Amino acid sequence: MPQRFRGLSGRLLWLTVIFVMFAEVLIFVPSISIMRMIWLRDSLDTAAAAGIVIDGLQPAELPRAVQDDTLLATGTKVLALRKDGTSRLLAAIDVPPQVDEQFDLSQQTYLGSMRDALSTLLFGGGKTMRVFGPIGDTDMVIELVMSDDALRKAMLSFSRLMFFVSLLISLVTAVLIYLAINRMMISPIRRLTHGMQDFSEHPEDPERIFKPGRAKGELEVAGYHLAAMQAQLQRTLKQQKNLADLGLAVSKINHDMRNILASAQLMSDRLVDVDDPMVRSFAPKLLRTIDRAVGYTNEVLAYGQASEAAPKRRLLKLADLCQDVREILALEPDGRIEFVEQIAADLLVDADSEQLFRVIHNLCRNSVQALAQSELSEEGIPHRLTVSAQRMGGVVSITVDDNGPGMPRKARENLFTAFRGAARSGGTGLGLAIARELVLAHGGTIALVEKPGPGTQFRIEIPDRPVALQDYRARA
């Protein structure tokens, strides 16, 4: 983190000083112009008072010493009074040969006054100026000829005073703004930054989660969101760690289980040679089941690596596949759960037989488990699991429907999410996650369908593969 006076707060402090000084510069020009006008007006008023007194002593003439004292007191070199259309010289000393500037105070404009003030301040000094203006509400006009040295000196003193006052105002303003902004913004931002730094060092430590303040400002709202994000990230990291540990454990178990199943497969092959008719009828089904189990063990690691094998698609009869699912579920004909198939015998689907079997088996197994844990309705309607399918053009739609208790709301919110979308107590939610991944690999969709009655209904839609023109001609 940068130091306070080198970071955002320090830049804010210096920018405030600069901006206030710039504002003071904009104020300075009109201020120095007003100061100059006031100074000139005061000089005219002082000279007018002396001029009226001198004019009242006419026809007597003031002594030279009195004239010099009067001009010295008014700071002028020539004092004249214009009255009744005539101009009269009241006093004069060291009359300059020429006048450099003339100012009529009765005709001054704002822009002209500011221009003259800047000219005197920057380029004045050693110049002779003639200033005249009316005396009060009378028709008399007082005229002065004087040097601009005294005026420029007064303007320089005023400028220095304005500079120090402006600097003081800017510093006080900057400090107050700095303290206010530092308390309202910089400190909370630093807390947010430190909170993110601390959490990034040890994201698994619950004590490192940011603790927002009690205020309700924008930064505090950001703090609440940061704390929620860190908590969610911590749960995700924990879940990922659990998945990694689970993957390692499954890899070890998978290695041993594959060896065991391989031995069982070798022993099951001998059942074909047994003469018992019942054994001969069950032997092919047992072999297919063991082969499927061996295939599952080979695919466990693929799922742990977040990747499934590419589907080996071919046209297969969906009715035969559903019959295998029914046999694996081992539902008794006179049991509490009725398995209903509504699939045409000649309905073909373009899919990987083993992967589609896993999808339908996972959905049916979830339905069977939900139905087994529920009680019969008051009307005595038996539990029913229905698997139906139909083809619409190049898409096969498969529906797995049951009349059980339905899916809980929490499971709906985390549908198809591993370890969070379990529909029953003790479930992992892996079945739906695997089913979704396999269906997506086929370019299809799987969704939970809202139904008016009780139960749960899933719909799977699997499109046929697009046929290349050369393949179509070859088949033709």
Protein backbone atom coordinates (compact mmCIF):
# COMPACT_ATOMS: atom_id res chain seq x y z
CA MET A 1 0.00 0.00 0.00
CA PRO A 2 1.36 3.49 -0.84
CA GLN A 3 1.92 6.03 1.90
CA ARG A 4 -0.98 8.30 2.67
CA PHE A 5 0.56 11.43 1.12
CA ARG A 6 1.71 9.47 -1.96
CA GLY A 7 -1.47 7.58 -2.56
CA LEU A 8 -4.96 8.66 -3.50
CA SER A 9 -5.41 10.81 -0.40
CA GLY A 10 -2.13 12.68 -1.02
CA ARG A 11 -3.05 13.39 -4.63
CA LEU A 12 -6.46 14.57 -3.48
CA LEU A 13 -4.79 16.95 -1.00
CA TRP A 14 -2.51 18.56 -3.59
CA LEU A 15 -5.22 18.72 -6.22
CA THR A 16 -7.46 20.54 -3.75
CA VAL A 17 -4.71 23.09 -3.06
CA ILE A 18 -4.14 23.61 -6.79
CA PHE A 19 -7.83 23.93 -7.59
CA VAL A 20 -8.48 26.38 -4.76
CA MET A 21 -5.47 28.47 -5.84
CA PHE A 22 -6.75 28.46 -9.40
CA ALA A 23 -10.16 29.62 -8.16
CA GLU A 24 -8.43 32.36 -6.17
CA VAL A 25 -6.60 33.48 -9.31
CA LEU A 26 -9.93 33.84 -11.06
CA ILE A 27 -11.18 35.87 -8.09
CA PHE A 28 -7.97 37.92 -7.89
CA VAL A 29 -8.39 39.80 -11.18
CA PRO A 30 -11.79 41.35 -10.30
CA SER A 31 -10.56 41.93 -6.73
CA ILE A 32 -7.44 43.85 -7.80
CA SER A 33 -9.56 45.84 -10.25
CA ILE A 34 -11.99 46.85 -7.50
CA MET A 35 -9.11 47.68 -5.17
CA ARG A 36 -7.59 49.97 -7.85
CA MET A 37 -10.91 51.77 -8.45
CA ILE A 38 -11.39 52.29 -4.72
CA TRP A 39 -7.85 53.64 -4.37
CA LEU A 40 -8.34 56.08 -7.24
CA ARG A 41 -11.76 57.13 -5.96
CA ASP A 42 -10.32 57.79 -2.50
CA SER A 43 -7.56 59.89 -4.04
CA LEU A 44 -10.15 61.90 -6.02
CA ASP A 45 -12.30 62.41 -2.92
CA THR A 46 -9.32 63.61 -0.89
CA ALA A 47 -8.24 65.96 -3.68
CA ALA A 48 -11.82 67.16 -4.18
CA ALA A 49 -12.10 68.13 -0.51
CA ALA A 50 -8.88 70.09 -0.73
CA GLY A 51 -9.87 71.61 -4.09
CA ILE A 52 -13.22 72.88 -2.82
CA VAL A 53 -11.49 74.53 0.14
CA ILE A 54 -8.94 76.17 -2.15
CA ASP A 55 -11.64 77.27 -4.57
CA GLY A 56 -13.56 78.88 -1.70
CA LEU A 57 -10.62 81.10 -0.83
CA GLN A 58 -10.74 82.87 -4.21
CA PRO A 59 -9.73 85.52 -5.23
CA ALA A 60 -6.98 85.07 -2.60
CA GLU A 61 -4.09 82.92 -3.74
CA LEU A 62 -2.59 80.19 -1.58
CA PRO A 63 1.01 80.58 -0.57
CA ARG A 64 3.48 78.31 -2.35
CA ALA A 65 4.26 76.40 0.81
CA VAL A 66 0.55 75.65 1.38
CA GLN A 67 0.16 74.43 -2.22
CA ASP A 68 3.14 72.13 -1.81
CA ASP A 69 1.74 70.71 1.42
CA THR A 70 -1.67 70.21 -0.21
CA LEU A 71 -0.21 68.37 -3.22
CA LEU A 72 2.00 66.28 -0.93
CA ALA A 73 -1.01 65.33 1.21
CA THR A 74 -3.04 64.29 -1.81
CA GLY A 75 -0.11 62.60 -3.51
CA THR A 76 -0.55 64.58 -6.72
CA LYS A 77 1.54 66.87 -8.87
CA VAL A 78 -1.26 68.89 -10.45
CA LEU A 79 -4.66 69.64 -8.94
CA ALA A 80 -7.34 71.26 -11.12
CA LEU A 81 -11.07 71.91 -10.75
CA ARG A 82 -13.50 72.05 -13.66
CA LYS A 83 -16.48 74.22 -12.79
CA ASP A 84 -19.11 76.01 -14.88
CA GLY A 85 -17.44 74.89 -18.09
CA THR A 86 -14.04 76.29 -17.14
CA SER A 87 -11.04 74.50 -15.76
CA ARG A 88 -8.90 76.16 -13.11
CA LEU A 89 -5.48 75.10 -11.90
CA LEU A 90 -5.57 75.06 -8.11
CA ALA A 91 -2.06 73.85 -7.33
CA ALA A 92 0.90 72.44 -9.23
CA ILE A 93 4.39 71.23 -8.52
CA ASP A 94 6.91 69.57 -10.77
CA VAL A 95 4.55 69.57 -13.73
CA PRO A 96 5.51 66.59 -15.94
CA PRO A 97 6.18 67.27 -19.62
CA GLN A 98 3.63 64.63 -20.73
CA VAL A 99 0.91 62.37 -19.39
CA ASP A 100 1.25 58.63 -20.13
CA GLU A 101 -2.28 57.46 -19.21
CA GLN A 102 -5.69 59.05 -18.68
CA PHE A 103 -8.57 57.57 -16.69
CA ASP A 104 -12.11 58.90 -16.50
CA LEU A 105 -13.63 57.23 -13.45
CA SER A 106 -17.15 58.04 -14.61
CA GLN A 107 -16.68 56.03 -17.82
CA GLN A 108 -14.89 52.96 -16.49
CA THR A 109 -16.25 49.49 -17.47
CA TYR A 110 -15.62 46.18 -15.73
CA LEU A 111 -13.46 44.78 -18.51
CA GLY A 112 -11.64 48.05 -19.01
CA SER A 113 -11.01 48.39 -15.31
CA MET A 114 -9.57 44.84 -15.09
CA ARG A 115 -7.39 45.47 -18.13
CA ASP A 116 -6.04 48.73 -16.66
CA ALA A 117 -5.45 47.06 -13.28
CA LEU A 118 -3.38 44.25 -14.81
CA SER A 119 -1.47 46.77 -16.93
CA THR A 120 -0.58 48.86 -13.88
CA LEU A 121 0.34 45.81 -11.79
CA LEU A 122 2.55 44.16 -14.42
CA PHE A 123 3.95 47.09 -16.41
CA GLY A 124 3.35 50.11 -14.18
CA GLY A 125 5.84 52.18 -12.25
CA GLY A 126 7.42 55.50 -13.22
CA LYS A 127 4.44 56.54 -15.36
CA THR A 128 2.37 59.72 -15.13
CA MET A 129 -1.38 59.39 -15.18
CA ARG A 130 -4.24 61.86 -15.36
CA VAL A 131 -7.30 60.90 -13.34
CA PHE A 132 -10.53 62.85 -13.27
CA GLY A 133 -14.10 62.34 -12.17
CA PRO A 134 -17.18 64.15 -10.83
CA ILE A 135 -17.41 65.40 -7.27
CA GLY A 136 -20.43 63.72 -5.70
CA ASP A 137 -23.69 64.66 -7.45
CA THR A 138 -22.44 68.09 -8.58
CA ASP A 139 -21.34 69.12 -12.04
CA MET A 140 -17.84 69.86 -10.80
CA VAL A 141 -15.01 67.62 -11.98
CA ILE A 142 -11.78 67.19 -10.11
CA GLU A 143 -8.62 66.44 -12.11
CA LEU A 144 -5.37 64.98 -10.83
CA VAL A 145 -2.02 64.41 -12.43
CA MET A 146 0.02 61.96 -10.42
CA SER A 147 2.60 59.18 -10.61
CA ASP A 148 1.40 55.54 -10.56
CA ASP A 149 4.15 54.47 -8.16
CA ALA A 150 1.97 54.78 -5.07
CA LEU A 151 -0.93 52.98 -6.78
CA ARG A 152 1.30 50.12 -7.97
CA LYS A 153 2.84 49.80 -4.51
CA ALA A 154 -0.61 49.53 -2.94
CA MET A 155 -1.65 46.96 -5.57
CA LEU A 156 1.47 44.86 -4.90
CA SER A 157 0.76 44.90 -1.17
CA PHE A 158 -2.84 43.86 -1.87
CA SER A 159 -1.62 41.06 -4.17
CA ARG A 160 0.74 39.68 -1.53
CA LEU A 161 -2.06 39.75 1.03
CA MET A 162 -4.40 37.99 -1.41
CA PHE A 163 -1.77 35.33 -2.11
CA PHE A 164 -1.18 34.49 1.54
CA VAL A 165 -4.91 34.53 2.32
CA SER A 166 -5.62 32.31 -0.71
CA LEU A 167 -2.84 29.92 0.28
CA LEU A 168 -4.19 29.75 3.82
CA ILE A 169 -7.75 29.16 2.57
CA SER A 170 -6.60 26.48 0.13
CA LEU A 171 -4.57 24.66 2.79
CA VAL A 172 -7.38 24.78 5.34
CA THR A 173 -9.90 23.65 2.72
CA ALA A 174 -7.60 20.89 1.49
CA VAL A 175 -6.96 19.61 5.01
CA LEU A 176 -10.68 19.59 5.85
CA ILE A 177 -11.51 17.83 2.57
CA TYR A 178 -8.62 15.43 3.11
CA LEU A 179 -9.82 14.51 6.59
CA ALA A 180 -13.42 14.12 5.44
CA ILE A 181 -12.61 12.12 2.30
CA ASN A 182 -10.01 10.07 4.13
CA ARG A 183 -12.59 9.07 6.74
CA MET A 184 -15.44 8.46 4.29
CA MET A 185 -13.56 6.93 1.34
CA ILE A 186 -9.83 6.33 1.73
CA SER A 187 -9.99 4.42 5.00
CA PRO A 188 -12.82 2.10 3.82
CA ILE A 189 -10.99 1.54 0.52
CA ARG A 190 -7.81 0.68 2.43
CA ARG A 191 -9.83 -1.75 4.58
CA LEU A 192 -11.22 -3.36 1.43
CA THR A 193 -7.73 -3.61 -0.07
CA HIS A 194 -6.22 -5.07 3.10
CA GLY A 195 -9.14 -7.49 3.32
CA MET A 196 -8.51 -8.72 -0.23
CA GLN A 197 -4.77 -9.02 0.43
CA ASP A 198 -5.26 -10.96 3.66
CA PHE A 199 -7.78 -13.30 2.04
CA SER A 200 -5.54 -13.93 -0.98
CA GLU A 201 -2.70 -15.06 1.32
CA HIS A 202 -4.80 -17.72 3.08
CA PRO A 203 -8.16 -18.13 1.29
CA GLU A 204 -8.97 -21.29 3.25
CA ASP A 205 -8.91 -19.47 6.63
CA PRO A 206 -12.46 -18.41 7.68
CA GLU A 207 -10.97 -15.64 9.83
CA ARG A 208 -9.59 -13.96 6.71
CA ILE A 209 -13.08 -13.22 5.33
CA PHE A 210 -13.64 -9.46 5.17
CA LYS A 211 -15.83 -8.01 7.93
CA PRO A 212 -17.81 -5.02 6.57
CA GLY A 213 -18.68 -1.99 8.65
CA ARG A 214 -22.08 -1.09 10.01
CA ALA A 215 -22.68 1.97 7.82
CA LYS A 216 -24.91 1.79 4.76
CA GLY A 217 -22.82 3.67 2.20
CA GLU A 218 -21.70 2.45 -1.22
CA LEU A 219 -18.33 1.26 0.10
CA GLU A 220 -19.99 -0.66 2.93
CA VAL A 221 -22.30 -2.31 0.38
CA ALA A 222 -19.19 -3.21 -1.62
CA GLY A 223 -17.76 -4.66 1.60
CA TYR A 224 -20.84 -6.85 2.08
CA HIS A 225 -20.54 -8.12 -1.50
CA LEU A 226 -16.81 -8.73 -1.02
CA ALA A 227 -17.48 -10.75 2.14
CA ALA A 228 -20.19 -12.76 0.37
CA MET A 229 -17.90 -13.37 -2.61
CA GLN A 230 -15.05 -14.50 -0.36
CA ALA A 231 -17.36 -16.83 1.56
CA GLN A 232 -18.65 -18.31 -1.70
CA LEU A 233 -15.10 -18.66 -3.02
CA GLN A 234 -14.04 -20.34 0.20
CA ARG A 235 -16.89 -22.85 -0.09
CA THR A 236 -15.96 -23.48 -3.72
CA LEU A 237 -12.31 -24.02 -2.82
CA LYS A 238 -13.32 -26.41 -0.08
CA GLN A 239 -15.58 -28.26 -2.48
CA GLN A 240 -12.80 -28.45 -5.06
CA LYS A 241 -10.45 -29.81 -2.43
CA ASN A 242 -13.03 -32.41 -1.47
CA LEU A 243 -13.44 -33.32 -5.13
CA ALA A 244 -9.68 -33.65 -5.52
CA ASP A 245 -9.48 -35.87 -2.45
CA LEU A 246 -12.46 -37.85 -3.70
CA GLY A 247 -10.85 -38.26 -7.11
CA LEU A 248 -7.68 -39.60 -5.51
CA ALA A 249 -9.67 -42.04 -3.35
CA VAL A 250 -11.79 -43.15 -6.29
CA SER A 251 -8.66 -43.70 -8.37
CA LYS A 252 -7.27 -46.04 -5.74
CA ILE A 253 -10.58 -47.88 -5.32
CA ASN A 254 -11.05 -48.03 -9.07
CA HIS A 255 -7.72 -49.76 -9.53
CA ASP A 256 -8.56 -52.55 -7.11
CA MET A 257 -12.18 -52.85 -8.23
CA ARG A 258 -11.14 -53.24 -11.84
CA ASN A 259 -8.93 -56.16 -10.90
CA ILE A 260 -11.76 -57.77 -8.91
CA LEU A 261 -14.23 -57.33 -11.77
CA ALA A 262 -11.73 -58.74 -14.23
CA SER A 263 -11.48 -61.88 -12.11
CA ALA A 264 -15.28 -62.05 -11.86
CA GLN A 265 -15.51 -61.69 -15.61
CA LEU A 266 -13.16 -64.63 -16.16
CA MET A 267 -15.19 -66.82 -13.79
CA SER A 268 -18.49 -65.73 -15.35
CA ASP A 269 -17.31 -66.81 -18.78
CA ARG A 270 -17.36 -70.41 -17.52
CA LEU A 271 -21.10 -70.16 -16.80
CA VAL A 272 -21.78 -70.42 -20.50
CA ASP A 273 -20.51 -73.99 -20.44
CA VAL A 274 -22.92 -75.02 -17.65
CA ASP A 275 -25.77 -77.28 -18.88
CA ASP A 276 -28.40 -75.79 -16.55
CA PRO A 277 -31.01 -73.99 -18.76
CA MET A 278 -31.71 -71.31 -16.13
CA VAL A 279 -27.99 -70.59 -15.77
CA ARG A 280 -27.68 -70.37 -19.53
CA SER A 281 -30.53 -67.82 -19.65
CA PHE A 282 -29.01 -65.61 -16.95
CA ALA A 283 -25.38 -65.97 -18.02
CA PRO A 284 -25.50 -63.48 -20.97
CA LYS A 285 -27.22 -60.86 -18.78
CA LEU A 286 -24.67 -61.37 -16.02
CA LEU A 287 -21.81 -61.04 -18.49
CA ARG A 288 -23.26 -57.84 -19.93
CA THR A 289 -23.66 -56.44 -16.40
CA ILE A 290 -20.06 -57.26 -15.49
CA ASP A 291 -18.83 -55.80 -18.80
CA ARG A 292 -20.78 -52.65 -18.08
CA ALA A 293 -19.31 -52.46 -14.57
CA VAL A 294 -15.80 -52.80 -15.99
CA GLY A 295 -16.60 -50.02 -18.44
CA TYR A 296 -17.80 -47.83 -15.58
CA THR A 297 -14.57 -48.29 -13.67
CA ASN A 298 -12.61 -47.23 -16.74
CA GLU A 299 -14.71 -44.07 -17.04
CA VAL A 300 -14.57 -43.04 -13.39
CA LEU A 301 -11.22 -41.34 -13.82
CA ALA A 302 -12.46 -39.55 -16.92
CA TYR A 303 -15.25 -37.97 -14.91
CA GLY A 304 -12.83 -37.08 -12.11
CA GLN A 305 -10.82 -35.19 -14.74
CA ALA A 306 -13.98 -33.26 -15.73
CA SER A 307 -14.12 -34.94 -19.12
CA GLU A 308 -16.22 -37.80 -20.50
CA ALA A 309 -15.22 -40.01 -23.37
CA ALA A 310 -16.64 -38.93 -26.73
CA PRO A 311 -19.87 -40.85 -27.44
CA LYS A 312 -19.56 -43.72 -29.88
CA ARG A 313 -22.88 -43.18 -31.59
CA ARG A 314 -24.82 -45.72 -33.60
CA LEU A 315 -28.46 -46.43 -34.32
CA LEU A 316 -29.92 -48.62 -31.59
CA LYS A 317 -33.35 -49.74 -30.48
CA LEU A 318 -34.43 -47.68 -27.52
CA ALA A 319 -36.93 -50.33 -26.33
CA ASP A 320 -34.14 -52.90 -25.84
CA LEU A 321 -32.06 -50.41 -23.90
CA CYS A 322 -34.98 -49.56 -21.60
CA GLN A 323 -35.55 -53.27 -21.06
CA ASP A 324 -31.95 -53.53 -19.78
CA VAL A 325 -32.63 -50.62 -17.44
CA ARG A 326 -35.71 -52.37 -16.11
CA GLU A 327 -33.80 -55.57 -15.46
CA ILE A 328 -30.99 -53.71 -13.65
CA LEU A 329 -33.56 -51.98 -11.42
CA ALA A 330 -34.89 -55.46 -10.49
CA LEU A 331 -38.48 -54.31 -9.96
CA GLU A 332 -40.83 -57.16 -9.01
CA PRO A 333 -43.92 -57.48 -11.23
CA ASP A 334 -46.17 -57.54 -8.16
CA GLY A 335 -44.16 -54.96 -6.20
CA ARG A 336 -45.13 -51.49 -4.98
CA ILE A 337 -43.60 -49.78 -8.02
CA GLU A 338 -44.99 -50.31 -11.52
CA PHE A 339 -42.57 -49.84 -14.45
CA VAL A 340 -44.37 -48.76 -17.65
CA GLU A 341 -42.71 -48.60 -21.08
CA GLN A 342 -44.35 -46.57 -23.84
CA ILE A 343 -41.76 -46.98 -26.57
CA ALA A 344 -42.34 -48.37 -30.06
CA ALA A 345 -40.37 -51.50 -30.75
CA ASP A 346 -38.88 -50.07 -33.94
CA LEU A 347 -37.92 -46.64 -32.51
CA LEU A 348 -34.25 -46.01 -33.22
CA VAL A 349 -32.06 -43.45 -31.52
CA ASP A 350 -28.65 -42.27 -32.69
CA ALA A 351 -26.60 -42.45 -29.49
CA ASP A 352 -23.89 -44.21 -27.52
CA SER A 353 -25.63 -47.22 -25.98
CA GLU A 354 -23.62 -47.29 -22.75
CA GLN A 355 -23.84 -43.52 -22.14
CA LEU A 356 -27.57 -43.35 -22.92
CA PHE A 357 -28.07 -46.35 -20.63
CA ARG A 358 -26.33 -44.46 -17.81
CA VAL A 359 -28.54 -41.41 -18.40
CA ILE A 360 -31.84 -43.28 -18.34
CA HIS A 361 -30.68 -45.59 -15.53
CA ASN A 362 -29.69 -42.62 -13.32
CA LEU A 363 -33.06 -40.93 -13.83
CA CYS A 364 -35.04 -44.14 -13.29
CA ARG A 365 -33.01 -45.07 -10.22
CA ASN A 366 -33.69 -41.64 -8.68
CA SER A 367 -37.42 -42.10 -9.34
CA VAL A 368 -37.43 -45.60 -7.84
CA GLN A 369 -35.65 -44.37 -4.71
CA ALA A 370 -38.11 -41.47 -4.34
CA LEU A 371 -41.11 -43.75 -4.85
CA ALA A 372 -39.76 -46.33 -2.40
CA GLN A 373 -39.48 -43.70 0.35
CA SER A 374 -43.00 -42.30 -0.18
CA GLU A 375 -46.31 -43.62 1.04
CA LEU A 376 -49.29 -44.55 -1.13
CA SER A 377 -51.82 -41.80 -1.72
CA GLU A 378 -55.19 -41.82 0.02
CA GLU A 379 -56.87 -42.78 -3.29
CA GLY A 380 -54.73 -45.93 -3.41
CA ILE A 381 -53.03 -44.98 -6.69
CA PRO A 382 -49.99 -47.27 -7.09
CA HIS A 383 -46.51 -45.87 -7.59
CA ARG A 384 -45.71 -45.71 -11.26
CA LEU A 385 -42.56 -45.03 -13.25
CA THR A 386 -43.16 -44.37 -16.94
CA VAL A 387 -40.53 -44.22 -19.66
CA SER A 388 -41.86 -43.00 -23.01
CA ALA A 389 -40.26 -41.84 -26.23
CA GLN A 390 -41.20 -40.57 -29.64
CA ARG A 391 -39.39 -39.32 -32.73
CA MET A 392 -40.11 -35.91 -34.19
CA GLY A 393 -38.12 -35.50 -37.37
CA GLY A 394 -34.44 -35.85 -36.55
CA VAL A 395 -34.92 -35.61 -32.76
CA VAL A 396 -35.85 -38.37 -30.33
CA SER A 397 -37.64 -37.14 -27.19
CA ILE A 398 -37.40 -39.43 -24.13
CA THR A 399 -39.52 -38.78 -21.03
CA VAL A 400 -38.94 -40.29 -17.58
CA ASP A 401 -42.00 -39.60 -15.41
CA ASP A 402 -43.08 -40.73 -11.94
CA ASN A 403 -45.97 -39.92 -9.62
CA GLY A 404 -43.85 -39.67 -6.49
CA PRO A 405 -43.53 -36.78 -4.01
CA GLY A 406 -41.71 -34.53 -6.49
CA MET A 407 -38.38 -32.76 -6.27
CA PRO A 408 -37.63 -30.48 -3.29
CA ARG A 409 -37.17 -26.78 -3.89
CA LYS A 410 -33.51 -26.82 -2.84
CA ALA A 411 -32.79 -29.57 -5.36
CA ARG A 412 -34.53 -27.53 -8.08
CA GLU A 413 -32.34 -24.51 -7.36
CA ASN A 414 -29.14 -26.58 -7.71
CA LEU A 415 -30.33 -28.94 -10.43
CA PHE A 416 -27.54 -30.76 -12.30
CA THR A 417 -24.92 -29.45 -9.80
CA ALA A 418 -22.71 -32.13 -8.31
CA PHE A 419 -22.87 -32.48 -4.49
CA ARG A 420 -25.57 -29.78 -4.27
CA GLY A 421 -28.46 -31.01 -6.41
CA ALA A 422 -29.31 -34.15 -4.42
CA ALA A 423 -33.06 -34.78 -4.35
CA ARG A 424 -33.00 -36.97 -1.25
CA SER A 425 -31.21 -37.01 2.07
CA GLY A 426 -27.77 -38.57 1.79
CA GLY A 427 -27.59 -38.16 -1.99
CA THR A 428 -24.66 -36.61 -3.80
CA GLY A 429 -26.36 -35.19 -6.88
CA LEU A 430 -23.77 -36.84 -9.12
CA GLY A 431 -26.37 -38.81 -11.09
CA LEU A 432 -28.03 -35.75 -12.59
CA ALA A 433 -24.68 -34.05 -13.16
CA ILE A 434 -23.38 -37.09 -15.07
CA ALA A 435 -26.64 -37.40 -17.03
CA ARG A 436 -26.49 -33.76 -18.13
CA GLU A 437 -22.87 -34.04 -19.23
CA LEU A 438 -23.57 -37.15 -21.28
CA VAL A 439 -26.64 -35.65 -22.95
CA LEU A 440 -24.75 -32.47 -23.81
CA ALA A 441 -22.00 -34.62 -25.36
CA HIS A 442 -24.67 -35.91 -27.74
CA GLY A 443 -25.67 -32.34 -28.63
CA GLY A 444 -28.98 -32.80 -26.83
CA THR A 445 -30.80 -31.27 -23.88
CA ILE A 446 -32.15 -32.52 -20.56
CA ALA A 447 -34.61 -30.53 -18.47
CA LEU A 448 -37.00 -30.82 -15.56
CA VAL A 449 -40.56 -30.44 -16.84
CA GLU A 450 -43.25 -28.74 -14.77
CA LYS A 451 -46.31 -30.95 -14.46
CA PRO A 452 -49.74 -30.22 -12.94
CA GLY A 453 -49.87 -33.38 -10.84
CA PRO A 454 -47.48 -34.81 -8.27
CA GLY A 455 -44.20 -36.39 -9.22
CA THR A 456 -41.12 -35.56 -11.25
CA GLN A 457 -40.72 -35.54 -15.01
CA PHE A 458 -37.48 -35.23 -17.01
CA ARG A 459 -37.36 -34.81 -20.76
CA ILE A 460 -34.32 -35.76 -22.83
CA GLU A 461 -33.99 -34.66 -26.45
CA ILE A 462 -31.25 -36.24 -28.57
CA PRO A 463 -30.84 -35.12 -32.20
CA ASP A 464 -29.51 -37.36 -34.93
CA ARG A 465 -26.04 -36.70 -36.23
CA PRO A 466 -25.90 -34.60 -39.40
CA VAL A 467 -25.19 -36.81 -42.39
CA ALA A 468 -22.42 -35.78 -44.76
CA LEU A 469 -23.33 -35.71 -48.44
CA GLN A 470 -20.69 -38.32 -49.34
CA ASP A 471 -21.97 -40.71 -46.63
CA TYR A 472 -25.54 -40.24 -47.85
CA ARG A 473 -24.54 -41.07 -51.43
CA ALA A 474 -22.57 -44.09 -50.26
CA ARG A 475 -25.56 -45.42 -48.35
CA ALA A 476 -27.85 -44.71 -51.31
